[in-house]
Amino acid sequence: MDGFDVQQLILDMNINWTPVIAAAVCGTGALYLFLKWRNYQKIQKKILNARKRRDKSLQQAEQAVQQFKIQKPDFEGSSIVSLSLSELTGKLKDGSLQPDAVLYAFMEKALEVNKNLNCSTEIIMESVAQLKDINTQKKGLLYGVPISIKENVAYEGRDTSCGVVSKLDQPALGDSVVVKVLKNQGAIPFIKTNIPQSLLNYDCSNPIYGQSLNPCNLQKTPGGSSGGEGALIGGGGSILGLGTDIGGSIRIPASFCGICGFKPTSRRLSIHGISSCVKGQKSVLSSLGPMGRDVESLALCMRALLCQDMFSLDPTVPPIPFNQEVYESSEPLRIGYYETDGYLQPSPSMARAFRETKDLLERAGHTLVAFQPLRLYHVFHELTVRGILGDGGRALLSHLKAGPIDPCLRAQATTLSTPRFIRKLVSVVLKPFYPRLSANLDASLGVGSVAELWRQHADIEEYIQEVIAEWRRLNVDVLLCPMLGPAYNFDYCGKLNSAASYTSLYNLLNFPAGAVTVSTVTEEDEAQLRHYKGVHGDVLDKLFVKAVKGGVGLPVAVQCVSLPWQDEMCLRFMREVEQLTAKSKLTRKH
């Protein structure tokens, strides 16, 4: 068969050859291989069916767009998709734009973007049917606005597979709370977006739907795990989307794709109906949050979601409406800052973008105060990594058993599937030479007992209070810090979980955090990579240089942080950074 790769087939079948050899001796090797082959066929059929469903929805969407264009010969979609969200909502409210024209404009653009970036897992064709009832939501804050949602956000009748075969063919029995609230606010969820296998990775590839590409450079990853969202919004195919974030999964793709992303305080928005491969893990909290082209889009989405519907549908969400007064405040801020977290030396473009933003804030009359993350080396390994992998990776591996392992996850899967005693032994051997690699490997073992888990939870609570005490001592309102970037070359995300130190800290602390794009990589930034040494000078620092190499012209962001439940303060700070950056660019042009 032309193009048939036996070696890849054997890899995809996930065969453990030890029992095969043993079974062959006993005369049962053929039976073992036959059963493996049958299982492999079932897996491939599941994957094929999922791809067929996606392709069918794309074809139906194309037909629907063409039919609409025949009915409305004067339809011009490009003028619609180029509007900002505030402009779009204004035109929908005053009737100068109709919801059907807006939906088909974004559907057409999303189809075009998806052809180039492979960022969609399915077009939600129920969005067309939703148009019939849309006028009943005319008072909604998002009336007529098409919205994209990450694949793991439940929409009735659709899979939330998290990119793993074990979760395929389990369509959601109902909409997630956030989707219900969005619909009640007049929004039209119209497309689901791609993710990395298992979501515990900041690339965007899985064996079901394939690799998504970066809208700014097709040779780069869009980041993850909300990578499909980042790619689609960055490419212009969506104006507003929902992602989830457990270690930077909203902020990293926002940074890589040149948009804005916001991780609220966990539980500020309902996570009922959000799928995960590590359900029940409580050490490092996941958040659901908005992604958009500008900060005002994120704030509007938060305003729309933080309504009585949300609080009624999910009583575990504290009934705290959006505080518009805090968001719109223009009082000078006292801003904590750090250029490096002491664990990962920023790339040259990360550091420059940070310094330029700090200078803009100082010139605008804000007070900047030096702030350094506390005990980050210990905290990253012992609380964050060990917390997320509390079970030593067993839950994650159980989902990967059913099917092929994506290249983006192979390094992680190999580590986690290595027997515990070997991991421990290698960790001990590496410690004198590569302490960071050793600490990462040891942390991957997770916790050994319930008592140890409780101790870890207590340590996390103590650390949160320690950081808040430092925050209070310095009397800061918000925090400015670097944001991981620029976008990586392919196949590095799974090898560089250590690079998530800038983002994962705020999942552990449960502080709201957002990414705002402020610059692009220059030739000088790229040249300075030659002199990059890193904090540790180990193989991970060398890999980081390779990952970000070739980034000229790519977007670079900064990260804005506030205390828990002060989400509006974080957004207000993000808006200030965005406005000062825009003003500075305008001044330089003239």
Protein backbone atom coordinates (compact mmCIF):
# COMPACT_ATOMS: atom_id res chain seq x y z
CA MET A 1 0.00 0.00 0.00
CA ASP A 2 1.48 3.39 -1.06
CA GLY A 3 2.53 5.49 1.97
CA PHE A 4 1.91 2.65 4.46
CA ASP A 5 4.17 3.06 7.50
CA VAL A 6 4.48 -0.19 9.46
CA GLN A 7 6.61 1.41 12.16
CA GLN A 8 4.02 4.15 12.77
CA LEU A 9 1.22 1.57 12.79
CA ILE A 10 3.02 -0.40 15.51
CA LEU A 11 3.52 2.80 17.52
CA ASP A 12 -0.16 3.73 17.16
CA MET A 13 -1.25 0.26 18.26
CA ASN A 14 0.56 0.92 21.54
CA ILE A 15 1.88 -2.64 21.83
CA ASN A 16 3.87 -3.68 24.86
CA TRP A 17 6.25 -6.25 23.35
CA THR A 18 7.23 -7.90 26.65
CA PRO A 19 3.95 -9.87 27.00
CA VAL A 20 4.03 -10.58 23.24
CA ILE A 21 7.37 -12.37 23.53
CA ALA A 22 6.24 -14.17 26.68
CA ALA A 23 2.95 -15.13 25.05
CA ALA A 24 4.71 -16.37 21.92
CA VAL A 25 6.68 -18.77 24.08
CA CYS A 26 3.36 -20.03 25.44
CA GLY A 27 1.81 -20.16 21.98
CA THR A 28 -0.66 -17.31 22.59
CA GLY A 29 1.26 -14.45 20.94
CA ALA A 30 -0.95 -14.56 17.85
CA LEU A 31 -4.10 -14.22 19.98
CA TYR A 32 -2.60 -11.24 21.84
CA LEU A 33 -1.70 -9.51 18.57
CA PHE A 34 -5.15 -10.26 17.11
CA LEU A 35 -6.90 -8.69 20.13
CA LYS A 36 -4.61 -5.69 19.91
CA TRP A 37 -5.38 -5.37 16.22
CA ARG A 38 -9.14 -5.53 16.86
CA ASN A 39 -8.85 -2.84 19.51
CA TYR A 40 -6.76 -0.70 17.17
CA GLN A 41 -9.46 -0.99 14.48
CA LYS A 42 -12.15 0.12 16.96
CA ILE A 43 -10.06 3.13 17.95
CA GLN A 44 -9.44 4.09 14.33
CA LYS A 45 -13.17 3.80 13.61
CA LYS A 46 -13.94 6.14 16.53
CA ILE A 47 -11.41 8.67 15.27
CA LEU A 48 -12.69 8.38 11.69
CA ASN A 49 -16.30 8.91 12.83
CA ALA A 50 -15.30 12.03 14.79
CA ARG A 51 -13.53 13.43 11.73
CA LYS A 52 -16.54 12.62 9.55
CA ARG A 53 -18.80 14.52 11.97
CA ARG A 54 -16.45 17.51 11.82
CA ASP A 55 -16.22 17.40 8.01
CA LYS A 56 -19.98 17.08 7.68
CA SER A 57 -20.54 20.13 9.88
CA LEU A 58 -18.00 22.13 7.84
CA GLN A 59 -19.76 21.15 4.61
CA GLN A 60 -23.17 22.04 6.05
CA ALA A 61 -21.83 25.41 7.18
CA GLU A 62 -20.39 26.12 3.72
CA GLN A 63 -23.73 25.27 2.12
CA ALA A 64 -25.62 27.44 4.62
CA VAL A 65 -23.33 30.40 3.92
CA GLN A 66 -23.69 29.99 0.15
CA GLN A 67 -27.47 29.76 0.42
CA PHE A 68 -27.57 32.93 2.53
CA LYS A 69 -25.38 34.77 -0.02
CA ILE A 70 -27.76 33.78 -2.81
CA GLN A 71 -30.72 35.12 -0.78
CA LYS A 72 -28.81 38.32 0.10
CA PRO A 73 -26.75 39.26 -2.97
CA ASP A 74 -25.56 42.51 -1.33
CA PHE A 75 -24.14 40.65 1.70
CA GLU A 76 -20.62 41.79 2.57
CA GLY A 77 -19.11 39.73 5.39
CA SER A 78 -15.65 41.33 5.55
CA SER A 79 -17.02 44.65 6.81
CA ILE A 80 -18.81 42.81 9.64
CA VAL A 81 -15.93 40.65 10.87
CA SER A 82 -13.59 43.66 10.94
CA LEU A 83 -15.74 45.44 13.58
CA SER A 84 -14.73 45.51 17.23
CA LEU A 85 -17.11 43.79 19.65
CA SER A 86 -18.39 47.12 21.03
CA GLU A 87 -19.07 48.34 17.47
CA LEU A 88 -20.77 45.05 16.58
CA THR A 89 -23.05 45.02 19.64
CA GLY A 90 -23.98 48.65 18.96
CA LYS A 91 -25.02 47.92 15.37
CA LEU A 92 -26.96 44.81 16.42
CA LYS A 93 -28.80 46.80 19.11
CA ASP A 94 -29.77 49.70 16.82
CA GLY A 95 -30.82 47.30 14.05
CA SER A 96 -28.29 48.44 11.44
CA LEU A 97 -27.01 44.85 11.46
CA GLN A 98 -29.14 41.72 11.71
CA PRO A 99 -28.06 38.61 13.67
CA ASP A 100 -28.32 36.35 10.60
CA ALA A 101 -25.90 38.50 8.56
CA VAL A 102 -23.46 38.58 11.51
CA LEU A 103 -23.62 34.82 12.08
CA TYR A 104 -23.04 33.98 8.42
CA ALA A 105 -20.22 36.54 8.17
CA PHE A 106 -18.36 34.90 11.04
CA MET A 107 -19.22 31.41 9.85
CA GLU A 108 -17.74 32.22 6.44
CA LYS A 109 -14.62 33.73 8.00
CA ALA A 110 -14.24 30.83 10.46
CA LEU A 111 -14.39 28.33 7.59
CA GLU A 112 -11.67 30.25 5.75
CA VAL A 113 -9.47 30.49 8.86
CA ASN A 114 -10.00 26.81 9.69
CA LYS A 115 -8.79 25.76 6.22
CA ASN A 116 -5.47 27.44 6.96
CA LEU A 117 -5.11 26.74 10.69
CA ASN A 118 -7.13 23.57 11.45
CA CYS A 119 -8.50 25.18 14.61
CA SER A 120 -12.10 23.87 14.67
CA THR A 121 -13.44 20.52 15.89
CA GLU A 122 -17.00 21.19 14.72
CA ILE A 123 -19.35 23.90 13.47
CA ILE A 124 -22.46 24.02 15.67
CA MET A 125 -25.24 24.05 13.08
CA GLU A 126 -27.88 24.53 15.80
CA SER A 127 -26.66 28.15 15.72
CA VAL A 128 -28.69 28.61 12.51
CA ALA A 129 -31.83 27.30 14.23
CA GLN A 130 -31.11 29.62 17.19
CA LEU A 131 -31.59 32.61 14.85
CA LYS A 132 -35.34 31.91 14.80
CA ASP A 133 -35.67 32.63 18.53
CA ILE A 134 -32.96 35.27 18.85
CA ASN A 135 -35.31 38.24 19.04
CA THR A 136 -36.56 37.06 22.43
CA GLN A 137 -33.06 37.86 23.76
CA LYS A 138 -32.89 41.34 22.25
CA LYS A 139 -32.17 42.87 25.65
CA GLY A 140 -29.24 40.52 26.26
CA LEU A 141 -25.78 42.06 26.54
CA LEU A 142 -24.50 39.76 23.77
CA TYR A 143 -27.56 39.88 21.53
CA GLY A 144 -26.70 38.42 18.12
CA VAL A 145 -22.98 37.93 18.87
CA PRO A 146 -21.51 34.66 17.48
CA ILE A 147 -19.23 33.02 20.06
CA SER A 148 -16.67 30.23 19.81
CA ILE A 149 -16.23 27.69 22.62
CA LYS A 150 -13.37 25.37 23.49
CA GLU A 151 -14.00 21.69 22.73
CA ASN A 152 -14.25 20.68 26.41
CA VAL A 153 -17.12 23.11 27.11
CA ALA A 154 -20.35 21.09 26.97
CA TYR A 155 -22.88 21.84 24.22
CA GLU A 156 -25.84 19.47 24.06
CA GLY A 157 -25.32 16.61 21.61
CA ARG A 158 -21.61 17.33 21.10
CA ASP A 159 -18.56 15.46 22.39
CA THR A 160 -16.25 17.02 24.98
CA SER A 161 -13.38 14.64 24.24
CA CYS A 162 -10.43 16.70 25.56
CA GLY A 163 -8.62 15.23 22.54
CA VAL A 164 -8.57 11.67 23.94
CA VAL A 165 -10.23 8.71 22.24
CA SER A 166 -11.62 7.38 25.54
CA LYS A 167 -13.99 10.37 25.72
CA LEU A 168 -15.28 10.14 22.14
CA ASP A 169 -18.87 9.14 21.36
CA GLN A 170 -20.13 10.51 24.68
CA PRO A 171 -22.19 13.51 23.56
CA ALA A 172 -23.15 15.99 26.28
CA LEU A 173 -26.67 15.45 27.62
CA GLY A 174 -27.15 19.19 28.05
CA ASP A 175 -25.47 22.55 27.70
CA SER A 176 -22.90 23.67 30.27
CA VAL A 177 -24.04 26.47 32.57
CA VAL A 178 -21.94 29.06 30.72
CA VAL A 179 -23.44 28.08 27.36
CA LYS A 180 -26.96 28.38 28.82
CA VAL A 181 -26.16 31.83 30.20
CA LEU A 182 -24.59 32.96 26.92
CA LYS A 183 -27.68 31.88 25.01
CA ASN A 184 -29.92 33.71 27.49
CA GLN A 185 -27.80 36.82 26.92
CA GLY A 186 -28.47 36.55 23.18
CA ALA A 187 -25.11 35.10 22.16
CA ILE A 188 -24.92 32.39 19.48
CA PRO A 189 -22.32 29.65 20.12
CA PHE A 190 -21.44 28.61 16.57
CA ILE A 191 -18.16 26.69 16.62
CA LYS A 192 -16.10 24.42 18.88
CA THR A 193 -12.32 24.77 18.84
CA ASN A 194 -9.33 22.46 18.96
CA ILE A 195 -7.23 21.42 21.98
CA PRO A 196 -4.11 19.39 22.79
CA GLN A 197 -4.56 15.75 23.77
CA SER A 198 -5.62 15.63 27.46
CA LEU A 199 -5.52 19.48 27.83
CA LEU A 200 -2.44 19.10 30.09
CA ASN A 201 -0.15 20.62 27.50
CA TYR A 202 0.26 24.08 25.97
CA ASP A 203 0.52 22.93 22.36
CA CYS A 204 -2.63 22.29 20.30
CA SER A 205 -2.56 18.86 18.68
CA ASN A 206 -4.37 15.57 19.20
CA PRO A 207 -4.78 12.30 17.26
CA ILE A 208 -8.45 13.00 16.50
CA TYR A 209 -8.41 16.45 14.92
CA GLY A 210 -4.70 17.04 14.28
CA GLN A 211 -2.37 20.01 14.81
CA SER A 212 -3.65 23.59 14.90
CA LEU A 213 -1.39 26.32 13.49
CA ASN A 214 -0.57 29.84 14.60
CA PRO A 215 -2.36 32.63 12.65
CA CYS A 216 0.78 34.82 12.82
CA ASN A 217 3.14 32.14 11.51
CA LEU A 218 2.10 28.74 10.19
CA GLN A 219 5.40 27.22 11.35
CA LYS A 220 4.53 27.92 15.00
CA THR A 221 2.08 26.51 17.54
CA PRO A 222 -0.88 28.67 18.63
CA GLY A 223 -0.26 27.53 22.22
CA GLY A 224 -2.74 25.72 24.41
CA SER A 225 -4.69 24.21 25.79
CA SER A 226 -7.16 26.81 24.46
CA GLY A 227 -5.11 26.88 21.26
CA GLY A 228 -7.98 26.51 18.82
CA GLU A 229 -9.61 29.56 20.40
CA GLY A 230 -6.38 31.55 20.17
CA ALA A 231 -5.90 30.59 16.52
CA LEU A 232 -9.50 31.25 15.47
CA ILE A 233 -9.79 34.64 17.23
CA GLY A 234 -6.26 35.66 16.20
CA GLY A 235 -7.12 34.73 12.60
CA GLY A 236 -10.32 36.79 12.66
CA GLY A 237 -12.77 33.86 12.58
CA SER A 238 -14.33 34.68 15.96
CA ILE A 239 -14.83 37.88 17.90
CA LEU A 240 -15.21 36.33 21.35
CA GLY A 241 -14.53 32.89 22.78
CA LEU A 242 -14.41 30.80 25.94
CA GLY A 243 -11.34 28.88 27.09
CA THR A 244 -10.19 27.12 30.23
CA ASP A 245 -6.94 27.62 32.14
CA ILE A 246 -5.16 25.30 34.60
CA GLY A 247 -1.57 26.46 34.08
CA GLY A 248 -1.77 29.22 31.48
CA SER A 249 -4.14 27.57 29.00
CA ILE A 250 -5.95 30.84 28.19
CA ARG A 251 -3.06 33.24 28.64
CA ILE A 252 -0.42 31.31 26.64
CA PRO A 253 -2.48 31.04 23.41
CA ALA A 254 -3.54 34.67 23.86
CA SER A 255 0.15 35.62 24.01
CA PHE A 256 1.19 33.31 21.15
CA CYS A 257 -1.64 34.48 18.85
CA GLY A 258 -1.61 38.21 19.60
CA ILE A 259 -4.97 38.58 21.35
CA CYS A 260 -6.19 39.10 24.94
CA GLY A 261 -7.12 36.38 27.41
CA PHE A 262 -8.37 36.44 30.99
CA LYS A 263 -8.27 33.77 33.71
CA PRO A 264 -10.74 34.81 36.44
CA THR A 265 -10.66 33.66 40.04
CA SER A 266 -11.62 29.98 39.96
CA ARG A 267 -15.38 29.53 40.56
CA ARG A 268 -16.13 33.17 39.69
CA LEU A 269 -17.69 31.56 36.61
CA SER A 270 -19.40 28.18 36.65
CA ILE A 271 -17.36 25.17 35.54
CA HIS A 272 -20.41 22.87 35.58
CA GLY A 273 -20.31 21.00 32.27
CA ILE A 274 -16.59 21.51 31.64
CA SER A 275 -14.75 18.27 30.81
CA SER A 276 -11.30 17.36 32.14
CA CYS A 277 -8.84 14.45 32.20
CA VAL A 278 -7.95 15.11 35.84
CA LYS A 279 -11.40 15.70 37.32
CA GLY A 280 -11.24 15.99 41.10
CA GLN A 281 -7.71 17.42 41.27
CA LYS A 282 -7.92 20.30 43.77
CA SER A 283 -4.33 21.44 44.37
CA VAL A 284 -4.12 23.67 41.28
CA LEU A 285 -7.46 25.11 40.25
CA SER A 286 -8.81 25.47 36.73
CA SER A 287 -10.76 28.53 35.60
CA LEU A 288 -13.05 29.21 32.70
CA GLY A 289 -12.60 32.60 31.06
CA PRO A 290 -13.01 34.78 27.96
CA MET A 291 -10.65 35.36 25.04
CA GLY A 292 -11.03 38.24 22.59
CA ARG A 293 -9.39 40.86 20.43
CA ASP A 294 -9.35 43.53 23.14
CA VAL A 295 -9.85 43.90 26.89
CA GLU A 296 -13.27 45.54 26.53
CA SER A 297 -14.50 42.31 24.87
CA LEU A 298 -13.35 40.30 27.90
CA ALA A 299 -15.05 42.72 30.31
CA LEU A 300 -18.31 42.61 28.33
CA CYS A 301 -18.26 38.82 28.40
CA MET A 302 -17.69 38.81 32.17
CA ARG A 303 -20.53 41.35 32.64
CA ALA A 304 -22.84 39.14 30.59
CA LEU A 305 -21.92 35.93 32.42
CA LEU A 306 -22.00 37.36 35.96
CA CYS A 307 -25.78 37.64 36.05
CA GLN A 308 -28.65 36.15 38.04
CA ASP A 309 -28.96 33.28 35.54
CA MET A 310 -25.43 32.14 36.37
CA PHE A 311 -26.03 32.30 40.11
CA SER A 312 -29.37 30.45 39.85
CA LEU A 313 -28.15 27.72 37.51
CA ASP A 314 -25.05 27.09 39.63
CA PRO A 315 -25.53 28.05 43.30
CA THR A 316 -21.85 27.18 43.99
CA VAL A 317 -20.88 30.38 42.14
CA PRO A 318 -20.82 33.34 44.58
CA PRO A 319 -23.54 35.84 43.57
CA ILE A 320 -21.14 38.71 42.86
CA PRO A 321 -22.22 40.77 39.81
CA PHE A 322 -19.61 42.54 37.69
CA ASN A 323 -18.32 45.69 39.42
CA GLN A 324 -18.40 48.27 36.63
CA GLU A 325 -17.22 51.07 38.92
CA VAL A 326 -13.93 49.27 39.69
CA TYR A 327 -13.42 48.40 36.02
CA GLU A 328 -13.95 52.00 34.86
CA SER A 329 -11.86 53.63 37.62
CA SER A 330 -8.99 55.86 36.48
CA GLU A 331 -7.29 56.30 39.87
CA PRO A 332 -3.49 55.87 39.78
CA LEU A 333 -2.40 52.35 40.70
CA ARG A 334 0.35 51.02 42.91
CA ILE A 335 1.81 48.25 40.77
CA GLY A 336 4.10 45.45 41.89
CA TYR A 337 6.46 44.12 39.22
CA TYR A 338 9.18 41.58 38.45
CA GLU A 339 11.13 41.11 35.22
CA THR A 340 12.14 37.54 35.99
CA ASP A 341 10.65 34.97 38.34
CA GLY A 342 14.11 33.53 39.06
CA TYR A 343 13.15 30.16 37.61
CA LEU A 344 13.01 30.85 33.86
CA GLN A 345 14.99 33.69 32.32
CA PRO A 346 12.60 35.51 29.96
CA SER A 347 13.32 35.46 26.24
CA PRO A 348 14.76 38.80 25.03
CA SER A 349 11.40 39.86 23.56
CA MET A 350 9.55 38.94 26.79
CA ALA A 351 11.97 41.05 28.85
CA ARG A 352 11.90 44.03 26.47
CA ALA A 353 8.08 44.03 26.19
CA PHE A 354 7.89 43.95 29.99
CA ARG A 355 10.36 46.84 30.45
CA GLU A 356 8.61 48.99 27.84
CA THR A 357 5.23 48.41 29.53
CA LYS A 358 6.68 49.21 32.96
CA ASP A 359 8.09 52.49 31.60
CA LEU A 360 4.73 53.43 30.03
CA LEU A 361 2.95 52.83 33.35
CA GLU A 362 5.48 54.92 35.27
CA ARG A 363 5.21 57.80 32.78
CA ALA A 364 1.40 57.63 33.10
CA GLY A 365 1.66 58.42 36.83
CA HIS A 366 1.35 54.95 38.36
CA THR A 367 3.70 53.87 41.18
CA LEU A 368 5.87 50.82 40.44
CA VAL A 369 7.14 48.69 43.35
CA ALA A 370 9.60 45.78 43.07
CA PHE A 371 7.96 42.45 43.95
CA GLN A 372 9.57 39.02 43.79
CA PRO A 373 7.71 35.67 43.74
CA LEU A 374 8.41 33.77 46.94
CA ARG A 375 10.23 30.40 46.98
CA LEU A 376 9.23 29.77 43.36
CA TYR A 377 11.67 26.90 42.71
CA HIS A 378 10.20 24.87 45.58
CA VAL A 379 6.63 26.00 44.91
CA PHE A 380 6.70 25.16 41.19
CA HIS A 381 7.90 21.61 41.74
CA GLU A 382 6.44 20.61 45.11
CA LEU A 383 3.07 22.38 44.97
CA THR A 384 2.25 22.99 41.30
CA VAL A 385 3.69 20.02 39.35
CA ARG A 386 3.26 17.54 42.21
CA GLY A 387 -0.25 18.91 42.77
CA ILE A 388 -1.48 18.56 39.17
CA LEU A 389 0.12 15.09 38.99
CA GLY A 390 -0.93 14.11 42.51
CA ASP A 391 -1.74 10.58 41.37
CA GLY A 392 1.59 10.23 39.57
CA GLY A 393 -0.16 10.70 36.23
CA ARG A 394 -2.40 7.63 36.52
CA ALA A 395 -5.66 9.40 35.58
CA LEU A 396 -4.02 10.97 32.54
CA LEU A 397 -2.48 7.66 31.42
CA SER A 398 -5.83 5.87 31.83
CA HIS A 399 -7.30 8.20 29.18
CA LEU A 400 -4.33 7.69 26.87
CA LYS A 401 -4.51 3.87 26.98
CA ALA A 402 -7.44 3.77 24.58
CA GLY A 403 -5.65 5.31 21.64
CA PRO A 404 -2.54 6.65 19.94
CA ILE A 405 -0.47 9.23 21.79
CA ASP A 406 0.02 12.53 20.01
CA PRO A 407 3.61 13.69 19.36
CA CYS A 408 2.96 16.82 21.45
CA LEU A 409 2.28 14.64 24.50
CA ARG A 410 4.77 11.84 23.87
CA ALA A 411 7.54 13.21 26.13
CA GLN A 412 5.10 13.63 29.03
CA ALA A 413 3.46 10.25 28.47
CA THR A 414 6.85 8.50 28.31
CA THR A 415 7.89 10.06 31.63
CA LEU A 416 4.60 9.24 33.38
CA SER A 417 4.49 5.65 32.09
CA THR A 418 8.02 4.94 33.34
CA PRO A 419 7.80 2.85 36.53
CA ARG A 420 7.91 4.93 39.70
CA PHE A 421 11.07 3.34 41.12
CA ILE A 422 12.96 4.08 37.87
CA ARG A 423 11.76 7.70 37.88
CA LYS A 424 12.89 8.03 41.49
CA LEU A 425 16.26 6.44 40.73
CA VAL A 426 16.88 8.66 37.68
CA SER A 427 15.84 11.71 39.71
CA VAL A 428 18.45 10.88 42.38
CA VAL A 429 21.18 10.31 39.75
CA LEU A 430 20.38 13.60 37.95
CA LYS A 431 20.22 15.76 41.07
CA PRO A 432 23.93 16.74 41.33
CA PHE A 433 24.17 17.57 37.61
CA TYR A 434 20.68 18.76 36.56
CA PRO A 435 18.80 19.73 39.73
CA ARG A 436 15.83 21.23 37.87
CA LEU A 437 15.32 18.12 35.72
CA SER A 438 15.66 16.01 38.86
CA ALA A 439 13.08 18.08 40.78
CA ASN A 440 10.62 17.93 37.86
CA LEU A 441 10.98 14.16 37.58
CA ASP A 442 10.55 13.66 41.32
CA ALA A 443 7.46 15.91 41.33
CA SER A 444 5.92 13.76 38.57
CA LEU A 445 5.66 10.93 41.13
CA GLY A 446 2.82 12.83 42.79
CA VAL A 447 1.87 12.26 46.43
CA GLY A 448 2.21 8.92 48.17
CA SER A 449 -0.70 8.96 50.61
CA VAL A 450 -3.83 10.78 51.71
CA ALA A 451 -1.89 12.25 54.64
CA GLU A 452 0.70 13.62 52.19
CA LEU A 453 -2.07 15.09 50.01
CA TRP A 454 -3.58 16.85 53.01
CA ARG A 455 -0.16 18.18 53.93
CA GLN A 456 0.26 19.50 50.44
CA HIS A 457 -3.14 21.23 50.52
CA ALA A 458 -2.18 22.82 53.86
CA ASP A 459 1.15 23.95 52.34
CA ILE A 460 -0.71 25.57 49.44
CA GLU A 461 -3.05 27.42 51.80
CA GLU A 462 -0.06 28.66 53.81
CA TYR A 463 1.73 29.77 50.65
CA ILE A 464 -1.30 31.73 49.44
CA GLN A 465 -1.42 33.58 52.78
CA GLU A 466 2.35 34.19 52.60
CA VAL A 467 2.04 35.81 49.17
CA ILE A 468 -0.98 37.90 50.25
CA ALA A 469 0.98 39.08 53.31
CA GLU A 470 3.83 40.21 51.03
CA TRP A 471 1.30 41.88 48.71
CA ARG A 472 -0.15 43.76 51.72
CA ARG A 473 3.29 44.67 53.07
CA LEU A 474 4.17 46.35 49.77
CA ASN A 475 0.64 47.79 49.57
CA VAL A 476 0.21 47.05 45.86
CA ASP A 477 -3.08 47.02 43.94
CA VAL A 478 -1.99 44.80 41.05
CA LEU A 479 1.05 43.00 39.68
CA LEU A 480 2.82 43.29 36.31
CA CYS A 481 4.96 40.35 35.15
CA PRO A 482 6.33 38.85 31.94
CA MET A 483 4.19 36.59 29.78
CA LEU A 484 5.59 33.48 28.10
CA GLY A 485 6.44 34.07 24.46
CA PRO A 486 6.91 34.32 21.60
CA ALA A 487 5.08 31.35 20.03
CA TYR A 488 7.07 28.12 19.99
CA ASN A 489 8.22 25.99 17.12
CA PHE A 490 6.40 22.64 17.04
CA ASP A 491 7.16 19.75 19.41
CA TYR A 492 8.66 21.78 22.27
CA CYS A 493 5.68 22.44 24.55
CA GLY A 494 5.57 18.89 25.93
CA LYS A 495 9.29 19.01 26.71
CA LEU A 496 9.15 22.38 28.49
CA ASN A 497 6.54 22.26 31.23
CA SER A 498 9.08 24.26 33.28
CA ALA A 499 8.41 27.29 31.07
CA ALA A 500 4.89 27.54 32.51
CA SER A 501 6.27 28.96 35.79
CA TYR A 502 5.08 32.49 34.88
CA THR A 503 1.48 31.41 34.37
CA SER A 504 0.90 28.34 36.57
CA LEU A 505 1.81 30.29 39.73
CA TYR A 506 -1.48 32.18 39.50
CA ASN A 507 -3.52 29.00 39.13
CA LEU A 508 -1.89 27.70 42.29
CA LEU A 509 -2.55 31.00 44.10
CA ASN A 510 -6.01 31.32 42.47
CA PHE A 511 -5.31 34.96 41.58
CA PRO A 512 -7.04 36.47 38.50
CA ALA A 513 -4.55 36.95 35.67
CA GLY A 514 -4.71 38.13 32.08
CA ALA A 515 -2.47 38.44 29.02
CA VAL A 516 -2.34 41.62 26.93
CA THR A 517 -0.36 41.77 23.68
CA VAL A 518 1.93 44.81 23.71
CA SER A 519 4.68 44.29 21.11
CA THR A 520 6.25 42.09 18.45
CA VAL A 521 9.61 40.33 18.27
CA THR A 522 12.32 42.47 16.67
CA GLU A 523 15.46 41.46 14.76
CA GLU A 524 17.47 42.66 17.77
CA ASP A 525 15.44 40.40 20.11
CA GLU A 526 16.19 37.48 17.82
CA ALA A 527 19.90 38.31 17.70
CA GLN A 528 20.06 38.46 21.51
CA LEU A 529 18.91 34.84 21.71
CA ARG A 530 22.49 33.89 20.84
CA HIS A 531 23.56 35.22 24.24
CA TYR A 532 20.74 33.58 26.22
CA LYS A 533 22.17 31.53 29.09
CA GLY A 534 19.10 30.89 31.24
CA VAL A 535 18.87 30.75 35.02
CA HIS A 536 20.12 27.17 35.26
CA GLY A 537 22.10 26.70 32.05
CA ASP A 538 20.66 23.21 31.72
CA VAL A 539 19.10 21.29 28.85
CA LEU A 540 15.70 22.95 29.52
CA ASP A 541 17.20 26.43 29.02
CA LYS A 542 18.80 25.25 25.77
CA LEU A 543 15.47 23.78 24.61
CA PHE A 544 13.72 27.08 25.39
CA VAL A 545 16.03 28.93 22.99
CA LYS A 546 15.26 26.39 20.25
CA ALA A 547 11.53 26.66 20.99
CA VAL A 548 11.28 30.44 20.54
CA LYS A 549 13.84 30.75 17.72
CA GLY A 550 12.66 32.29 14.44
CA GLY A 551 10.09 34.55 16.09
CA VAL A 552 10.65 37.90 14.33
CA GLY A 553 7.30 39.67 13.89
CA LEU A 554 5.44 37.43 16.33
CA PRO A 555 3.35 39.03 19.10
CA VAL A 556 4.64 39.41 22.65
CA ALA A 557 2.46 40.04 25.72
CA VAL A 558 2.68 40.98 29.39
CA GLN A 559 0.71 39.48 32.27
CA CYS A 560 -1.52 41.43 34.68
CA VAL A 561 -2.52 39.98 38.07
CA SER A 562 -4.77 40.95 41.00
CA LEU A 563 -5.90 39.45 44.30
CA PRO A 564 -8.66 36.76 44.40
CA TRP A 565 -12.18 37.99 43.58
CA GLN A 566 -10.79 41.31 42.33
CA ASP A 567 -11.31 40.25 38.72
CA GLU A 568 -12.56 43.69 37.71
CA MET A 569 -9.38 45.27 39.09
CA CYS A 570 -7.30 42.90 36.95
CA LEU A 571 -9.33 43.76 33.84
CA ARG A 572 -9.06 47.47 34.65
CA PHE A 573 -5.27 47.09 34.83
CA MET A 574 -5.24 45.13 31.55
CA ARG A 575 -7.24 47.91 29.89
CA GLU A 576 -4.77 50.52 31.19
CA VAL A 577 -1.85 48.56 29.70
CA GLU A 578 -3.73 48.14 26.40
CA GLN A 579 -4.60 51.85 26.14
CA LEU A 580 -1.10 53.07 27.03
CA THR A 581 0.41 50.66 24.49
CA ALA A 582 -1.98 51.83 21.75
CA LYS A 583 -1.24 55.48 22.57
CA SER A 584 2.52 54.84 22.49
CA LYS A 585 2.30 53.13 19.08
CA LEU A 586 0.26 56.04 17.72
CA THR A 587 2.81 58.56 19.02
CA ARG A 588 5.70 56.64 17.41
CA LYS A 589 3.88 56.60 14.07
CA HIS A 590 3.56 60.38 14.09
